[in-house]
Amino acid sequence: MSIPESVRNTDAVSSPPAGSGRRPGLILAFLCIAGFMTFLDVSIVNVALPTIEDKLDISATQLPYVVTTYGMLLGGFLLLCGRLADTYGRRLMLQTGLTLFALSSLLGGLAQESVQLIVARGLQGLGAAFLATSALSLLTSSFPEGPERTRALGVWGALSGLASVAGVTLGGLLTDGPGWRWIFFINVPIGLLGALLAPSVVSESRAARRSSSFDLAGAVALTAGLVLLIFSLGQTVDDSDPPVGRIAAGFIVSALLLVAFLLIERRTREPLITLSIFRRPSLRAANLAAVLLLGNVVTLFFFASLFMQQVLDYSPLRTGLAYVPLAVIVAVGAGIAAQLVTRMPAKLVLLVGLLLTVGGMLLLRRAPVDASYPVDLLPAFLATGFGLGLSFVPIQVVAFTGVREHESGLAAGLINTSQEVGGAIGLAVAATYAFRNLAELTDRAHGVPELVHQARADVFHDAFLVGVIFVVAAFLITLVLLPLTRPGDAPDPAAR
């Protein structure tokens, strides 16, 4: 991952720190809005998926690509974009990301068939990669280490979690209102206006020592390997029944590309990821937990949206509104967590949050084909949402525990990469497992509406079970691998 050079070496900054002489509150708000856009678009398409499936004639088994392509390009290029920001300026890369994000959103809104939409989502992910890295790097350099940065990171973590939930609510409102294309069009004025306003809000900053290498080979190998992995997973349940040889070849080439990425990182002079950073127990555990937790989050919103519309016959608007309590309780949980992590070990807060998330997902898995919202869905959403809110903030804080100042850029890039890649891979795995019997169950229904609904409910219940497994794994990793440190404790010796 690309590490802002000025963050790796804070004595080598060629221009004033971001925000020098400016209002911290305004800087935090502006950067969080930019980050909010990237997280929002991970989930905003979910409620619109049944409509997109119908309008653009995309098969159910290919629908996950609309979500995973975004996450893969975002996660795969985060580090490279950070390196570019170090050399050419973080504010410039922030403006570049906002502009690319806006233009690719316009392309998505104008898409007339599935390939165009998926390509647009990939370009959105690339724009989001510029956005997320430069915004978070500017945030960490704008606030000194200690309570101020912890609070700022707490706000960032809370908004990243809230955006995932707000996305599905807003997606429902837009889909049932002006139409599904507006989930993309809405980004256009926001992105272009943000790019214009950036110079008046944040100062430019870049590394005094310019990078002579950007490790493009590493970024391409990582992203290509992950995209091919997800594509190969999707092919296993593709309605077109592709040859087994093609699927096997896809997995083999994906594995070779990922191995090549590790070899490149070990040998290149300026790698995207300095692999030695994973010696830090807190950072290692936080990133593993983030991969699994976001795998559950994206799986939850994708399949819950389908469950409500294709099993319970909710409209997109009703589906979006059904998520409102979930959005509110995530915000409440995140606000509580932001206070708790300054007073008690983040590990304890995270463990409680993960347990609540497991409970909520289990309730959702038991939702019947004639589920009542107040009795079956609302309790599941409240438990899951509160658990997620309690989990998002400590993961962000723990990811920086014991990390030296000159490595904070790498840590920022890693946690963002883990979240986006985790969400994309998690959904791909859940969809592969859940859709494995879709064709057979649909055939057995013989077109009878009640049986079709039950078949779909069985598929979606399997996906929720995979989400439960993800969160249980995150709980075990946190319990076993994450050190129990209190606020203000000395950094982990491994980080020295």
Protein backbone atom coordinates (compact mmCIF):
# COMPACT_ATOMS: atom_id res chain seq x y z
CA MET A 1 0.00 0.00 0.00
CA SER A 2 1.15 3.38 -0.82
CA ILE A 3 2.33 5.29 2.18
CA PRO A 4 2.42 9.00 2.12
CA GLU A 5 6.13 9.69 2.26
CA SER A 6 5.59 12.75 4.39
CA VAL A 7 3.84 10.56 6.92
CA ARG A 8 6.63 8.00 6.85
CA ASN A 9 9.12 10.78 7.49
CA THR A 10 7.47 13.69 9.21
CA ASP A 11 10.65 15.76 9.10
CA ALA A 12 10.58 15.73 5.30
CA VAL A 13 7.54 17.76 4.42
CA SER A 14 7.87 20.31 1.66
CA SER A 15 4.80 22.34 2.53
CA PRO A 16 2.86 23.27 5.67
CA PRO A 17 0.93 20.54 7.38
CA ALA A 18 -2.59 20.07 6.14
CA GLY A 19 -4.84 22.45 7.88
CA SER A 20 -2.07 24.80 9.04
CA GLY A 21 -3.74 28.06 10.04
CA ARG A 22 -7.19 26.71 9.26
CA ARG A 23 -10.14 25.61 11.39
CA PRO A 24 -9.80 21.99 12.59
CA GLY A 25 -13.56 21.48 12.72
CA LEU A 26 -13.99 22.54 9.10
CA ILE A 27 -11.10 20.33 7.98
CA LEU A 28 -12.51 17.32 9.84
CA ALA A 29 -15.99 17.87 8.39
CA PHE A 30 -14.72 18.30 4.82
CA LEU A 31 -12.45 15.25 4.91
CA CYS A 32 -15.09 13.09 6.57
CA ILE A 33 -17.61 14.04 3.89
CA ALA A 34 -15.10 12.98 1.22
CA GLY A 35 -14.52 9.68 3.01
CA PHE A 36 -18.26 9.28 3.59
CA MET A 37 -18.83 9.29 -0.18
CA THR A 38 -16.46 6.38 -0.73
CA PHE A 39 -18.00 4.25 2.02
CA LEU A 40 -21.54 5.23 1.01
CA ASP A 41 -21.12 3.85 -2.49
CA VAL A 42 -20.17 0.42 -1.20
CA SER A 43 -23.76 -0.10 -0.11
CA ILE A 44 -25.92 2.47 -1.90
CA VAL A 45 -26.53 0.17 -4.87
CA ASN A 46 -27.86 -2.71 -2.75
CA VAL A 47 -31.50 -1.65 -2.52
CA ALA A 48 -31.51 -0.84 -6.25
CA LEU A 49 -30.13 -4.26 -7.25
CA PRO A 50 -33.49 -5.95 -7.96
CA THR A 51 -34.45 -2.98 -10.14
CA ILE A 52 -31.07 -2.99 -11.90
CA GLU A 53 -31.37 -6.75 -12.38
CA ASP A 54 -34.68 -6.21 -14.18
CA LYS A 55 -33.80 -3.09 -16.17
CA LEU A 56 -30.36 -4.18 -17.39
CA ASP A 57 -31.11 -7.92 -17.54
CA ILE A 58 -28.36 -9.04 -15.13
CA SER A 59 -28.63 -12.57 -13.73
CA ALA A 60 -28.92 -12.98 -9.95
CA THR A 61 -25.57 -14.75 -9.76
CA GLN A 62 -23.83 -11.87 -11.55
CA LEU A 63 -25.37 -9.11 -9.43
CA PRO A 64 -22.57 -9.27 -6.82
CA TYR A 65 -20.12 -7.95 -9.44
CA VAL A 66 -21.89 -4.58 -9.28
CA VAL A 67 -20.79 -4.40 -5.63
CA THR A 68 -17.50 -6.31 -5.62
CA THR A 69 -15.92 -4.56 -8.63
CA TYR A 70 -16.09 -1.27 -6.75
CA GLY A 71 -14.55 -2.74 -3.60
CA MET A 72 -11.77 -4.53 -5.46
CA LEU A 73 -10.54 -1.50 -7.42
CA LEU A 74 -10.81 0.65 -4.30
CA GLY A 75 -8.93 -1.80 -2.09
CA GLY A 76 -6.37 -2.81 -4.70
CA PHE A 77 -5.20 0.70 -5.57
CA LEU A 78 -5.38 2.42 -2.18
CA LEU A 79 -1.70 2.04 -1.46
CA LEU A 80 -0.52 3.09 -4.91
CA CYS A 81 -2.75 6.16 -4.74
CA GLY A 82 -1.21 7.02 -1.38
CA ARG A 83 2.26 6.88 -2.92
CA LEU A 84 1.13 9.19 -5.72
CA ALA A 85 -0.30 11.54 -3.11
CA ASP A 86 3.07 11.66 -1.33
CA THR A 87 4.84 12.68 -4.51
CA TYR A 88 2.36 14.93 -6.28
CA GLY A 89 0.41 16.28 -3.31
CA ARG A 90 -2.36 14.91 -1.13
CA ARG A 91 -4.77 17.72 -1.86
CA LEU A 92 -4.19 17.32 -5.59
CA MET A 93 -4.92 13.61 -5.35
CA LEU A 94 -8.00 14.37 -3.27
CA GLN A 95 -9.24 16.66 -6.05
CA THR A 96 -8.34 14.04 -8.66
CA GLY A 97 -10.32 11.43 -6.76
CA LEU A 98 -13.36 13.67 -6.35
CA THR A 99 -13.37 14.49 -10.07
CA LEU A 100 -12.90 10.88 -11.21
CA PHE A 101 -15.54 9.72 -8.77
CA ALA A 102 -18.02 12.28 -10.08
CA LEU A 103 -17.39 11.49 -13.77
CA SER A 104 -17.52 7.71 -13.30
CA SER A 105 -20.77 8.14 -11.35
CA LEU A 106 -22.16 9.98 -14.35
CA LEU A 107 -21.10 7.05 -16.56
CA GLY A 108 -22.82 4.62 -14.20
CA GLY A 109 -26.02 6.61 -14.24
CA LEU A 110 -26.04 6.59 -18.03
CA ALA A 111 -25.23 2.85 -18.37
CA GLN A 112 -27.47 0.93 -20.77
CA GLU A 113 -26.18 -2.60 -20.12
CA SER A 114 -24.40 -4.59 -17.44
CA VAL A 115 -20.83 -4.28 -18.74
CA GLN A 116 -21.04 -0.50 -18.85
CA LEU A 117 -22.33 -0.40 -15.29
CA ILE A 118 -19.67 -2.76 -13.96
CA VAL A 119 -16.91 -0.77 -15.72
CA ALA A 120 -18.30 2.45 -14.24
CA ARG A 121 -18.30 0.86 -10.79
CA GLY A 122 -14.65 -0.09 -11.26
CA LEU A 123 -13.75 3.49 -12.19
CA GLN A 124 -15.71 4.70 -9.17
CA GLY A 125 -13.58 2.38 -7.04
CA LEU A 126 -10.40 3.82 -8.53
CA GLY A 127 -11.58 7.35 -7.81
CA ALA A 128 -12.50 6.29 -4.29
CA ALA A 129 -8.96 4.92 -3.82
CA PHE A 130 -7.55 8.41 -4.41
CA LEU A 131 -10.20 9.86 -2.12
CA ALA A 132 -9.93 7.53 0.86
CA THR A 133 -6.14 7.52 1.15
CA SER A 134 -5.58 11.24 0.67
CA ALA A 135 -8.47 12.19 2.97
CA LEU A 136 -7.39 9.92 5.82
CA SER A 137 -3.73 10.91 5.43
CA LEU A 138 -4.67 14.59 5.55
CA LEU A 139 -6.79 13.88 8.63
CA THR A 140 -4.02 12.12 10.56
CA SER A 141 -1.50 14.85 9.70
CA SER A 142 -3.94 17.59 10.72
CA PHE A 143 -4.43 16.36 14.28
CA PRO A 144 -1.56 15.65 16.72
CA GLU A 145 -1.21 12.18 18.20
CA GLY A 146 -3.18 11.79 21.40
CA PRO A 147 -6.79 12.57 22.37
CA GLU A 148 -7.35 14.93 19.40
CA ARG A 149 -6.36 12.34 16.81
CA THR A 150 -8.23 9.60 18.67
CA ARG A 151 -11.40 11.68 18.58
CA ALA A 152 -10.88 12.53 14.91
CA LEU A 153 -10.31 8.87 14.04
CA GLY A 154 -13.36 8.00 16.11
CA VAL A 155 -15.47 10.35 14.01
CA TRP A 156 -13.96 8.89 10.83
CA GLY A 157 -14.63 5.34 12.01
CA ALA A 158 -18.18 6.19 13.04
CA LEU A 159 -18.94 7.81 9.69
CA SER A 160 -17.44 4.93 7.74
CA GLY A 161 -19.78 2.57 9.53
CA LEU A 162 -22.77 4.91 9.34
CA ALA A 163 -22.21 5.41 5.60
CA SER A 164 -22.62 1.70 4.96
CA VAL A 165 -26.06 1.81 6.55
CA ALA A 166 -27.06 5.24 5.23
CA GLY A 167 -26.23 4.00 1.73
CA VAL A 168 -28.99 1.40 1.71
CA THR A 169 -31.51 3.89 3.11
CA LEU A 170 -30.65 6.57 0.57
CA GLY A 171 -30.55 3.96 -2.19
CA GLY A 172 -34.15 2.98 -1.46
CA LEU A 173 -35.35 6.58 -1.39
CA LEU A 174 -33.73 7.38 -4.73
CA THR A 175 -34.72 4.14 -6.46
CA ASP A 176 -38.39 4.52 -5.58
CA GLY A 177 -38.24 8.26 -6.22
CA PRO A 178 -36.44 9.71 -9.24
CA GLY A 179 -35.10 6.27 -10.21
CA TRP A 180 -32.13 3.95 -9.66
CA ARG A 181 -29.85 6.00 -11.91
CA TRP A 182 -29.91 8.80 -9.34
CA ILE A 183 -27.89 6.72 -6.88
CA PHE A 184 -25.05 7.60 -9.28
CA PHE A 185 -26.13 11.04 -10.48
CA ILE A 186 -26.25 12.37 -6.90
CA ASN A 187 -22.45 12.01 -6.64
CA VAL A 188 -21.76 14.25 -9.64
CA PRO A 189 -22.43 17.71 -8.15
CA ILE A 190 -21.04 16.73 -4.73
CA GLY A 191 -17.77 15.43 -6.19
CA LEU A 192 -17.21 18.35 -8.56
CA LEU A 193 -18.09 20.93 -5.89
CA GLY A 194 -15.74 19.23 -3.42
CA ALA A 195 -12.90 19.33 -5.93
CA LEU A 196 -13.44 23.08 -6.42
CA LEU A 197 -13.65 23.84 -2.69
CA ALA A 198 -10.68 21.73 -1.55
CA PRO A 199 -8.03 24.49 -1.95
CA SER A 200 -9.99 26.80 0.35
CA VAL A 201 -10.31 24.17 3.09
CA VAL A 202 -7.07 22.15 3.24
CA SER A 203 -3.47 23.08 2.53
CA GLU A 204 -1.38 21.14 0.06
CA SER A 205 1.22 18.78 1.49
CA ARG A 206 3.65 16.39 -0.11
CA ALA A 207 6.89 14.61 0.71
CA ALA A 208 10.13 16.55 0.45
CA ARG A 209 11.77 13.43 -0.98
CA ARG A 210 9.89 12.41 -4.12
CA SER A 211 9.39 8.71 -4.76
CA SER A 212 11.27 7.43 -7.77
CA SER A 213 9.19 4.25 -7.89
CA PHE A 214 5.46 3.70 -7.46
CA ASP A 215 5.37 -0.11 -7.47
CA LEU A 216 2.78 -0.20 -10.23
CA ALA A 217 3.57 -3.88 -10.78
CA GLY A 218 2.61 -4.65 -7.18
CA ALA A 219 -0.68 -2.76 -7.39
CA VAL A 220 -1.63 -4.42 -10.68
CA ALA A 221 -0.70 -7.92 -9.43
CA LEU A 222 -2.70 -7.47 -6.22
CA THR A 223 -5.79 -6.02 -7.87
CA ALA A 224 -5.77 -8.44 -10.81
CA GLY A 225 -5.35 -11.40 -8.46
CA LEU A 226 -8.26 -10.32 -6.26
CA VAL A 227 -10.55 -9.44 -9.19
CA LEU A 228 -9.83 -12.78 -10.85
CA LEU A 229 -10.47 -14.59 -7.55
CA ILE A 230 -13.88 -12.97 -7.20
CA PHE A 231 -14.73 -13.57 -10.87
CA SER A 232 -13.78 -17.24 -10.50
CA LEU A 233 -15.93 -17.59 -7.38
CA GLY A 234 -18.86 -16.11 -9.27
CA GLN A 235 -18.31 -18.50 -12.18
CA THR A 236 -18.90 -21.49 -9.91
CA VAL A 237 -22.59 -20.55 -9.64
CA ASP A 238 -22.99 -18.92 -13.06
CA ASP A 239 -26.18 -19.86 -14.87
CA SER A 240 -24.21 -20.40 -18.10
CA ASP A 241 -22.45 -23.44 -16.57
CA PRO A 242 -18.87 -22.59 -17.69
CA PRO A 243 -16.28 -25.37 -18.15
CA VAL A 244 -14.64 -26.63 -14.95
CA GLY A 245 -11.26 -26.10 -16.58
CA ARG A 246 -11.88 -22.38 -16.96
CA ILE A 247 -12.84 -22.04 -13.30
CA ALA A 248 -9.81 -24.03 -12.13
CA ALA A 249 -7.52 -21.95 -14.34
CA GLY A 250 -8.98 -18.78 -12.87
CA PHE A 251 -8.21 -19.86 -9.33
CA ILE A 252 -4.69 -20.97 -10.27
CA VAL A 253 -3.84 -17.73 -12.07
CA SER A 254 -5.33 -15.73 -9.19
CA ALA A 255 -3.13 -17.58 -6.70
CA LEU A 256 -0.05 -17.03 -8.89
CA LEU A 257 -0.78 -13.30 -9.14
CA LEU A 258 -1.14 -12.98 -5.36
CA VAL A 259 2.09 -14.90 -4.80
CA ALA A 260 3.77 -12.66 -7.37
CA PHE A 261 2.52 -9.65 -5.41
CA LEU A 262 4.20 -10.92 -2.22
CA LEU A 263 7.45 -11.56 -4.09
CA ILE A 264 7.33 -8.09 -5.63
CA GLU A 265 6.82 -6.53 -2.20
CA ARG A 266 9.80 -8.42 -0.78
CA ARG A 267 12.16 -7.38 -3.57
CA THR A 268 11.12 -3.95 -4.75
CA ARG A 269 12.98 -0.95 -3.38
CA GLU A 270 9.82 0.95 -2.44
CA PRO A 271 7.05 -1.61 -1.90
CA LEU A 272 3.41 -0.75 -1.51
CA ILE A 273 3.33 -2.77 1.71
CA THR A 274 6.31 -3.10 4.01
CA LEU A 275 5.55 -6.64 5.13
CA SER A 276 7.41 -6.23 8.43
CA ILE A 277 4.60 -3.98 9.68
CA PHE A 278 2.50 -7.10 10.23
CA ARG A 279 4.77 -7.98 13.16
CA ARG A 280 2.68 -5.57 15.22
CA PRO A 281 0.02 -7.70 16.97
CA SER A 282 -2.57 -4.93 17.25
CA LEU A 283 -2.33 -3.92 13.62
CA ARG A 284 -2.40 -7.54 12.44
CA ALA A 285 -5.46 -8.40 14.53
CA ALA A 286 -7.29 -5.19 13.60
CA ASN A 287 -6.86 -5.79 9.89
CA LEU A 288 -7.94 -9.42 10.07
CA ALA A 289 -10.99 -8.43 12.10
CA ALA A 290 -11.77 -5.63 9.62
CA VAL A 291 -11.67 -8.04 6.67
CA LEU A 292 -14.15 -10.36 8.36
CA LEU A 293 -16.42 -7.70 9.84
CA LEU A 294 -16.80 -5.83 6.54
CA GLY A 295 -17.34 -9.14 4.79
CA ASN A 296 -20.36 -9.53 7.03
CA VAL A 297 -21.51 -5.92 6.57
CA VAL A 298 -21.57 -6.06 2.77
CA THR A 299 -23.16 -9.53 2.85
CA LEU A 300 -25.82 -8.23 5.25
CA PHE A 301 -26.88 -5.28 3.12
CA PHE A 302 -26.75 -7.17 -0.18
CA PHE A 303 -28.86 -10.11 0.93
CA ALA A 304 -31.15 -8.29 3.37
CA SER A 305 -32.13 -5.95 0.55
CA LEU A 306 -32.92 -8.91 -1.70
CA PHE A 307 -34.76 -10.68 1.13
CA MET A 308 -37.05 -7.74 1.79
CA GLN A 309 -37.84 -7.11 -1.88
CA GLN A 310 -37.87 -10.63 -3.34
CA VAL A 311 -39.31 -12.54 -0.37
CA LEU A 312 -41.34 -10.00 1.60
CA ASP A 313 -42.32 -8.01 -1.52
CA TYR A 314 -41.18 -4.67 -0.08
CA SER A 315 -40.83 -1.75 -2.48
CA PRO A 316 -37.38 -0.10 -2.77
CA LEU A 317 -38.67 2.84 -0.69
CA ARG A 318 -40.01 0.60 2.05
CA THR A 319 -36.75 -1.35 2.01
CA GLY A 320 -34.74 1.83 2.38
CA LEU A 321 -36.91 3.05 5.23
CA ALA A 322 -36.62 -0.33 6.94
CA TYR A 323 -32.93 0.41 7.37
CA VAL A 324 -33.50 3.74 9.15
CA PRO A 325 -33.51 2.23 12.69
CA LEU A 326 -30.37 0.33 11.77
CA ALA A 327 -28.68 3.55 10.65
CA VAL A 328 -29.70 5.34 13.84
CA ILE A 329 -28.53 2.57 16.15
CA VAL A 330 -25.19 2.29 14.32
CA ALA A 331 -24.64 6.00 14.98
CA VAL A 332 -25.62 5.55 18.63
CA GLY A 333 -23.28 2.59 19.05
CA ALA A 334 -20.43 4.41 17.34
CA GLY A 335 -20.92 7.47 19.53
CA ILE A 336 -20.82 5.34 22.67
CA ALA A 337 -17.76 3.46 21.40
CA ALA A 338 -15.93 6.72 20.66
CA GLN A 339 -16.28 7.61 24.36
CA LEU A 340 -15.52 4.14 25.69
CA VAL A 341 -12.23 3.68 23.79
CA THR A 342 -10.78 6.68 25.62
CA ARG A 343 -11.55 5.08 29.01
CA MET A 344 -11.17 1.33 28.62
CA PRO A 345 -9.35 -1.19 26.41
CA ALA A 346 -10.57 -1.06 22.81
CA LYS A 347 -10.41 -4.87 22.75
CA LEU A 348 -13.26 -5.14 25.26
CA VAL A 349 -15.44 -2.71 23.33
CA LEU A 350 -14.78 -4.61 20.12
CA LEU A 351 -15.59 -8.01 21.68
CA VAL A 352 -18.93 -6.76 22.97
CA GLY A 353 -19.74 -5.25 19.60
CA LEU A 354 -18.93 -8.46 17.75
CA LEU A 355 -21.06 -10.55 20.12
CA LEU A 356 -24.04 -8.29 19.56
CA THR A 357 -23.50 -8.48 15.81
CA VAL A 358 -23.52 -12.28 15.92
CA GLY A 359 -26.77 -12.24 17.88
CA GLY A 360 -28.43 -9.90 15.41
CA MET A 361 -27.32 -11.93 12.39
CA LEU A 362 -28.66 -15.12 13.97
CA LEU A 363 -32.03 -13.44 14.48
CA LEU A 364 -32.03 -12.34 10.86
CA ARG A 365 -31.21 -15.85 9.68
CA ARG A 366 -34.35 -17.10 11.48
CA ALA A 367 -36.65 -14.58 9.77
CA PRO A 368 -39.47 -16.59 8.13
CA VAL A 369 -40.85 -16.20 4.64
CA ASP A 370 -43.75 -14.18 6.07
CA ALA A 371 -41.57 -12.19 8.46
CA SER A 372 -43.08 -9.31 10.37
CA TYR A 373 -40.91 -6.20 10.46
CA PRO A 374 -41.56 -5.29 14.15
CA VAL A 375 -41.23 -8.89 15.37
CA ASP A 376 -38.60 -10.46 13.10
CA LEU A 377 -36.55 -7.79 11.31
CA LEU A 378 -36.43 -4.82 13.67
CA PRO A 379 -34.90 -6.68 16.66
CA ALA A 380 -32.31 -8.24 14.32
CA PHE A 381 -31.45 -4.84 12.82
CA LEU A 382 -31.18 -3.16 16.24
CA ALA A 383 -28.88 -5.81 17.68
CA THR A 384 -26.72 -5.97 14.56
CA GLY A 385 -26.58 -2.19 14.17
CA PHE A 386 -25.60 -1.52 17.77
CA GLY A 387 -22.94 -4.21 17.54
CA LEU A 388 -21.55 -2.77 14.33
CA GLY A 389 -21.48 0.71 15.82
CA LEU A 390 -19.52 -0.56 18.82
CA SER A 391 -17.12 -2.42 16.48
CA PHE A 392 -16.26 0.16 13.80
CA VAL A 393 -14.59 2.67 16.11
CA PRO A 394 -12.28 0.35 18.14
CA ILE A 395 -11.09 -1.34 14.94
CA GLN A 396 -9.95 2.04 13.61
CA VAL A 397 -8.26 2.94 16.89
CA VAL A 398 -6.59 -0.46 17.36
CA ALA A 399 -5.22 -0.33 13.81
CA PHE A 400 -3.00 2.59 14.85
CA THR A 401 -2.00 1.27 18.29
CA GLY A 402 1.78 0.83 18.53
CA VAL A 403 2.36 2.21 15.03
CA ARG A 404 5.19 4.70 14.79
CA GLU A 405 4.46 8.14 13.40
CA HIS A 406 6.33 7.55 10.14
CA GLU A 407 4.21 4.40 9.52
CA SER A 408 0.81 5.95 10.17
CA GLY A 409 0.18 6.43 6.45
CA LEU A 410 0.77 2.74 5.79
CA ALA A 411 -1.48 1.80 8.71
CA ALA A 412 -4.21 4.07 7.36
CA GLY A 413 -3.96 2.52 3.93
CA LEU A 414 -3.95 -1.01 5.30
CA ILE A 415 -7.11 -0.64 7.36
CA ASN A 416 -8.95 0.91 4.42
CA THR A 417 -7.69 -1.85 2.12
CA SER A 418 -8.76 -4.51 4.60
CA GLN A 419 -12.26 -3.07 4.84
CA GLU A 420 -12.83 -2.76 1.10
CA VAL A 421 -11.19 -6.04 0.10
CA GLY A 422 -12.90 -7.79 3.00
CA GLY A 423 -16.29 -6.52 1.91
CA ALA A 424 -15.79 -7.61 -1.69
CA ILE A 425 -14.35 -11.03 -0.92
CA GLY A 426 -16.87 -11.62 1.86
CA LEU A 427 -19.78 -10.98 -0.47
CA ALA A 428 -18.22 -13.16 -3.16
CA VAL A 429 -17.83 -16.06 -0.72
CA ALA A 430 -21.33 -15.64 0.71
CA ALA A 431 -22.88 -15.41 -2.75
CA THR A 432 -20.98 -18.46 -3.96
CA TYR A 433 -22.26 -20.52 -1.03
CA ALA A 434 -25.81 -19.13 -1.03
CA PHE A 435 -26.39 -19.33 -4.78
CA ARG A 436 -25.00 -22.86 -5.14
CA ASN A 437 -28.50 -24.39 -5.13
CA LEU A 438 -30.43 -21.44 -6.56
CA ALA A 439 -31.25 -23.04 -9.92
CA GLU A 440 -32.31 -26.33 -8.32
CA LEU A 441 -34.51 -24.67 -5.71
CA THR A 442 -36.11 -22.42 -8.32
CA ASP A 443 -36.92 -25.40 -10.55
CA ARG A 444 -38.56 -27.21 -7.65
CA ALA A 445 -40.82 -24.22 -7.03
CA HIS A 446 -42.42 -24.69 -10.48
CA GLY A 447 -43.29 -20.99 -10.57
CA VAL A 448 -45.62 -21.18 -7.55
CA PRO A 449 -45.17 -17.78 -5.78
CA GLU A 450 -45.16 -19.21 -2.25
CA LEU A 451 -42.59 -21.85 -3.17
CA VAL A 452 -40.47 -19.35 -5.08
CA HIS A 453 -40.41 -17.08 -2.02
CA GLN A 454 -39.42 -19.99 0.21
CA ALA A 455 -36.64 -21.00 -2.20
CA ARG A 456 -35.25 -17.48 -2.19
CA ALA A 457 -35.56 -17.28 1.60
CA ASP A 458 -33.50 -20.48 1.93
CA VAL A 459 -30.80 -18.96 -0.30
CA PHE A 460 -30.68 -15.73 1.68
CA HIS A 461 -30.66 -17.57 5.03
CA ASP A 462 -27.55 -19.43 3.87
CA ALA A 463 -25.90 -16.09 3.11
CA PHE A 464 -26.73 -14.76 6.59
CA LEU A 465 -25.15 -17.91 8.07
CA VAL A 466 -21.93 -17.13 6.22
CA GLY A 467 -22.09 -13.63 7.72
CA VAL A 468 -22.40 -15.15 11.20
CA ILE A 469 -19.31 -17.27 10.54
CA PHE A 470 -17.37 -14.17 9.47
CA VAL A 471 -18.18 -12.34 12.71
CA VAL A 472 -17.49 -15.36 14.92
CA ALA A 473 -14.08 -15.65 13.26
CA ALA A 474 -13.46 -11.93 13.90
CA PHE A 475 -14.42 -12.43 17.56
CA LEU A 476 -11.97 -15.33 17.97
CA ILE A 477 -9.17 -13.38 16.28
CA THR A 478 -9.80 -10.40 18.55
CA LEU A 479 -9.96 -12.59 21.65
CA VAL A 480 -6.77 -14.52 20.90
CA LEU A 481 -4.54 -12.18 18.90
CA LEU A 482 -5.37 -8.64 20.05
CA PRO A 483 -3.38 -7.46 23.08
CA LEU A 484 -5.31 -5.99 25.99
CA THR A 485 -4.00 -2.41 26.16
CA ARG A 486 -5.57 0.56 27.88
CA PRO A 487 -5.68 4.14 26.59
CA GLY A 488 -2.33 5.79 27.24
CA ASP A 489 -0.39 2.53 27.58
CA ALA A 490 3.08 2.41 26.11
CA PRO A 491 3.27 1.26 22.49
CA ASP A 492 3.70 -2.40 21.75
CA PRO A 493 7.42 -3.29 21.95
CA ALA A 494 7.09 -4.92 18.54
CA ALA A 495 6.40 -1.52 17.11
CA ARG A 496 9.72 -0.09 18.18
